[in-house]
Amino acid sequence: MSITITESAADQIRQILDSEQYGEETVVRMGIVGGGCSGLQYSLGFDNEHDPDRDAVYDQHGIRLVASKKFDLHLEGATVDFVDGPAGRGFKIENPNYQNVGCPGCGHH
């Protein structure tokens, strides 16, 4: 499984880790849940524990991201980015496996 963390996301995560004084053992945990017609919903949080038998670990730009191995098929090729622009500021997950999701009632086709 492969998840990419952009430099922009890594910089923002590092700022949060520093400002909240998290320890060096802290990792970023990525999770997903089904979101109905709008596709998957992602979560990012901080965790001090992970199990190498159940979690995949990705080290990029000095950030350790973990995700449950049971999400392998759903997260393959996903990118965690941080955007700051006119439409808002925050983390953005791009997932090539789930594009153009939604139903016509939600404005998607």
C-alpha atoms as a PDB file:
ATOM      1  CA  MET A   1       0.000   0.000   0.000  1.00  0.00           C
ATOM      2  CA  SER A   2       1.221   3.478  -0.776  1.00  0.00           C
ATOM      3  CA  ILE A   3       0.077   6.779   0.713  1.00  0.00           C
ATOM      4  CA  THR A   4       1.870  10.015  -0.158  1.00  0.00           C
ATOM      5  CA  ILE A   5       2.272  12.927   2.247  1.00  0.00           C
ATOM      6  CA  THR A   6       3.065  16.192   0.465  1.00  0.00           C
ATOM      7  CA  GLU A   7       5.688  18.571   1.840  1.00  0.00           C
ATOM      8  CA  SER A   8       2.935  21.090   2.537  1.00  0.00           C
ATOM      9  CA  ALA A   9       1.001  18.561   4.643  1.00  0.00           C
ATOM     10  CA  ALA A  10       4.176  17.464   6.431  1.00  0.00           C
ATOM     11  CA  ASP A  11       5.040  21.089   7.278  1.00  0.00           C
ATOM     12  CA  GLN A  12       1.568  21.688   8.724  1.00  0.00           C
ATOM     13  CA  ILE A  13       1.622  18.427  10.704  1.00  0.00           C
ATOM     14  CA  ARG A  14       5.053  19.321  12.075  1.00  0.00           C
ATOM     15  CA  GLN A  15       3.752  22.746  13.176  1.00  0.00           C
ATOM     16  CA  ILE A  16       0.833  21.107  15.006  1.00  0.00           C
ATOM     17  CA  LEU A  17       3.095  18.518  16.642  1.00  0.00           C
ATOM     18  CA  ASP A  18       5.454  21.281  17.833  1.00  0.00           C
ATOM     19  CA  SER A  19       2.763  23.692  19.018  1.00  0.00           C
ATOM     20  CA  GLU A  20       0.891  20.970  20.936  1.00  0.00           C
ATOM     21  CA  GLN A  21       4.184  19.579  22.304  1.00  0.00           C
ATOM     22  CA  TYR A  22       3.560  16.004  21.180  1.00  0.00           C
ATOM     23  CA  GLY A  23       6.389  13.553  21.823  1.00  0.00           C
ATOM     24  CA  GLU A  24       8.593  11.923  19.220  1.00  0.00           C
ATOM     25  CA  GLU A  25       6.610   8.675  19.502  1.00  0.00           C
ATOM     26  CA  THR A  26       3.497  10.428  18.143  1.00  0.00           C
ATOM     27  CA  VAL A  27       2.301   9.325  14.712  1.00  0.00           C
ATOM     28  CA  VAL A  28      -0.470  10.579  12.440  1.00  0.00           C
ATOM     29  CA  ARG A  29      -3.242   7.993  12.166  1.00  0.00           C
ATOM     30  CA  MET A  30      -5.388   7.944   9.033  1.00  0.00           C
ATOM     31  CA  GLY A  31      -8.766   6.263   9.095  1.00  0.00           C
ATOM     32  CA  ILE A  32     -11.705   5.888   6.738  1.00  0.00           C
ATOM     33  CA  VAL A  33     -15.406   5.168   7.019  1.00  0.00           C
ATOM     34  CA  GLY A  34     -18.071   4.724   4.382  1.00  0.00           C
ATOM     35  CA  GLY A  35     -19.745   8.012   3.575  1.00  0.00           C
ATOM     36  CA  GLY A  36     -22.838   6.893   1.682  1.00  0.00           C
ATOM     37  CA  CYS A  37     -23.345   8.434  -1.729  1.00  0.00           C
ATOM     38  CA  SER A  38     -20.596  10.982  -1.085  1.00  0.00           C
ATOM     39  CA  GLY A  39     -17.935   8.291  -0.920  1.00  0.00           C
ATOM     40  CA  LEU A  40     -15.388   7.698   1.800  1.00  0.00           C
ATOM     41  CA  GLN A  41     -14.801  10.009   4.723  1.00  0.00           C
ATOM     42  CA  TYR A  42     -11.257  10.280   6.017  1.00  0.00           C
ATOM     43  CA  SER A  43      -9.948  11.081   9.455  1.00  0.00           C
ATOM     44  CA  LEU A  44      -6.528  12.253  10.551  1.00  0.00           C
ATOM     45  CA  GLY A  45      -5.510  12.272  14.182  1.00  0.00           C
ATOM     46  CA  PHE A  46      -2.565  11.754  16.463  1.00  0.00           C
ATOM     47  CA  ASP A  47      -1.734   8.474  18.168  1.00  0.00           C
ATOM     48  CA  ASN A  48       1.079   7.256  20.402  1.00  0.00           C
ATOM     49  CA  GLU A  49       0.655   3.589  19.579  1.00  0.00           C
ATOM     50  CA  HIS A  50       0.574   1.417  16.503  1.00  0.00           C
ATOM     51  CA  ASP A  51       0.839  -2.295  15.877  1.00  0.00           C
ATOM     52  CA  PRO A  52       3.187  -3.290  13.023  1.00  0.00           C
ATOM     53  CA  ASP A  53       1.147  -6.468  12.533  1.00  0.00           C
ATOM     54  CA  ARG A  54      -2.071  -4.482  11.905  1.00  0.00           C
ATOM     55  CA  ASP A  55      -0.845  -1.056  10.763  1.00  0.00           C
ATOM     56  CA  ALA A  56       1.119   0.073   7.735  1.00  0.00           C
ATOM     57  CA  VAL A  57       3.631   2.862   8.481  1.00  0.00           C
ATOM     58  CA  TYR A  58       4.687   5.552   5.998  1.00  0.00           C
ATOM     59  CA  ASP A  59       7.653   7.811   6.731  1.00  0.00           C
ATOM     60  CA  GLN A  60       7.803  10.853   4.500  1.00  0.00           C
ATOM     61  CA  HIS A  61       9.327  14.294   5.052  1.00  0.00           C
ATOM     62  CA  GLY A  62       9.972  13.402   8.706  1.00  0.00           C
ATOM     63  CA  ILE A  63       6.331  12.495   9.399  1.00  0.00           C
ATOM     64  CA  ARG A  64       5.148   8.992  10.332  1.00  0.00           C
ATOM     65  CA  LEU A  65       1.637   8.223   9.103  1.00  0.00           C
ATOM     66  CA  VAL A  66      -0.060   4.954  10.048  1.00  0.00           C
ATOM     67  CA  ALA A  67      -3.181   3.338   8.635  1.00  0.00           C
ATOM     68  CA  SER A  68      -4.771   0.003   9.335  1.00  0.00           C
ATOM     69  CA  LYS A  69      -3.717  -2.636   6.816  1.00  0.00           C
ATOM     70  CA  LYS A  70      -7.404  -3.485   6.353  1.00  0.00           C
ATOM     71  CA  PHE A  71      -7.707  -0.187   4.428  1.00  0.00           C
ATOM     72  CA  ASP A  72      -5.007  -1.184   1.896  1.00  0.00           C
ATOM     73  CA  LEU A  73      -7.310  -1.491  -1.112  1.00  0.00           C
ATOM     74  CA  HIS A  74      -9.109   1.755  -0.310  1.00  0.00           C
ATOM     75  CA  LEU A  75      -6.037   3.934   0.304  1.00  0.00           C
ATOM     76  CA  GLU A  76      -3.637   2.686  -2.387  1.00  0.00           C
ATOM     77  CA  GLY A  77      -2.255   5.750  -4.177  1.00  0.00           C
ATOM     78  CA  ALA A  78      -3.949   8.306  -1.882  1.00  0.00           C
ATOM     79  CA  THR A  79      -2.273  11.661  -1.218  1.00  0.00           C
ATOM     80  CA  VAL A  80      -2.518  13.729   1.962  1.00  0.00           C
ATOM     81  CA  ASP A  81      -2.081  17.420   1.151  1.00  0.00           C
ATOM     82  CA  PHE A  82      -2.596  20.726   2.936  1.00  0.00           C
ATOM     83  CA  VAL A  83      -4.249  23.562   1.027  1.00  0.00           C
ATOM     84  CA  ASP A  84      -4.588  27.218   1.938  1.00  0.00           C
ATOM     85  CA  GLY A  85      -6.578  29.238  -0.563  1.00  0.00           C
ATOM     86  CA  PRO A  86      -9.774  31.166  -1.266  1.00  0.00           C
ATOM     87  CA  ALA A  87     -11.919  28.038  -0.848  1.00  0.00           C
ATOM     88  CA  GLY A  88     -10.503  27.328   2.596  1.00  0.00           C
ATOM     89  CA  ARG A  89      -7.619  25.999   4.602  1.00  0.00           C
ATOM     90  CA  GLY A  90      -7.125  22.412   5.679  1.00  0.00           C
ATOM     91  CA  PHE A  91      -5.988  18.915   4.901  1.00  0.00           C
ATOM     92  CA  LYS A  92      -7.179  17.387   1.663  1.00  0.00           C
ATOM     93  CA  ILE A  93      -7.154  13.708   0.757  1.00  0.00           C
ATOM     94  CA  GLU A  94      -6.901  12.881  -2.943  1.00  0.00           C
ATOM     95  CA  ASN A  95      -7.797   9.277  -3.651  1.00  0.00           C
ATOM     96  CA  PRO A  96      -7.583   8.002  -7.242  1.00  0.00           C
ATOM     97  CA  ASN A  97      -9.684   4.975  -6.289  1.00  0.00           C
ATOM     98  CA  TYR A  98     -12.787   7.040  -5.505  1.00  0.00           C
ATOM     99  CA  GLN A  99     -13.365   9.851  -7.968  1.00  0.00           C
ATOM    100  CA  ASN A 100     -16.660  11.304  -9.152  1.00  0.00           C
ATOM    101  CA  VAL A 101     -18.647   9.717  -6.364  1.00  0.00           C
ATOM    102  CA  GLY A 102     -22.064  10.839  -5.308  1.00  0.00           C
ATOM    103  CA  CYS A 103     -25.591  10.627  -6.528  1.00  0.00           C
ATOM    104  CA  PRO A 104     -27.502  12.937  -8.851  1.00  0.00           C
ATOM    105  CA  GLY A 105     -29.503  14.233  -5.887  1.00  0.00           C
ATOM    106  CA  CYS A 106     -26.260  15.496  -4.331  1.00  0.00           C
ATOM    107  CA  GLY A 107     -25.142  17.188  -7.535  1.00  0.00           C
ATOM    108  CA  HIS A 108     -22.816  14.366  -8.643  1.00  0.00           C
ATOM    109  CA  HIS A 109     -23.292  12.001 -11.549  1.00  0.00           C
END
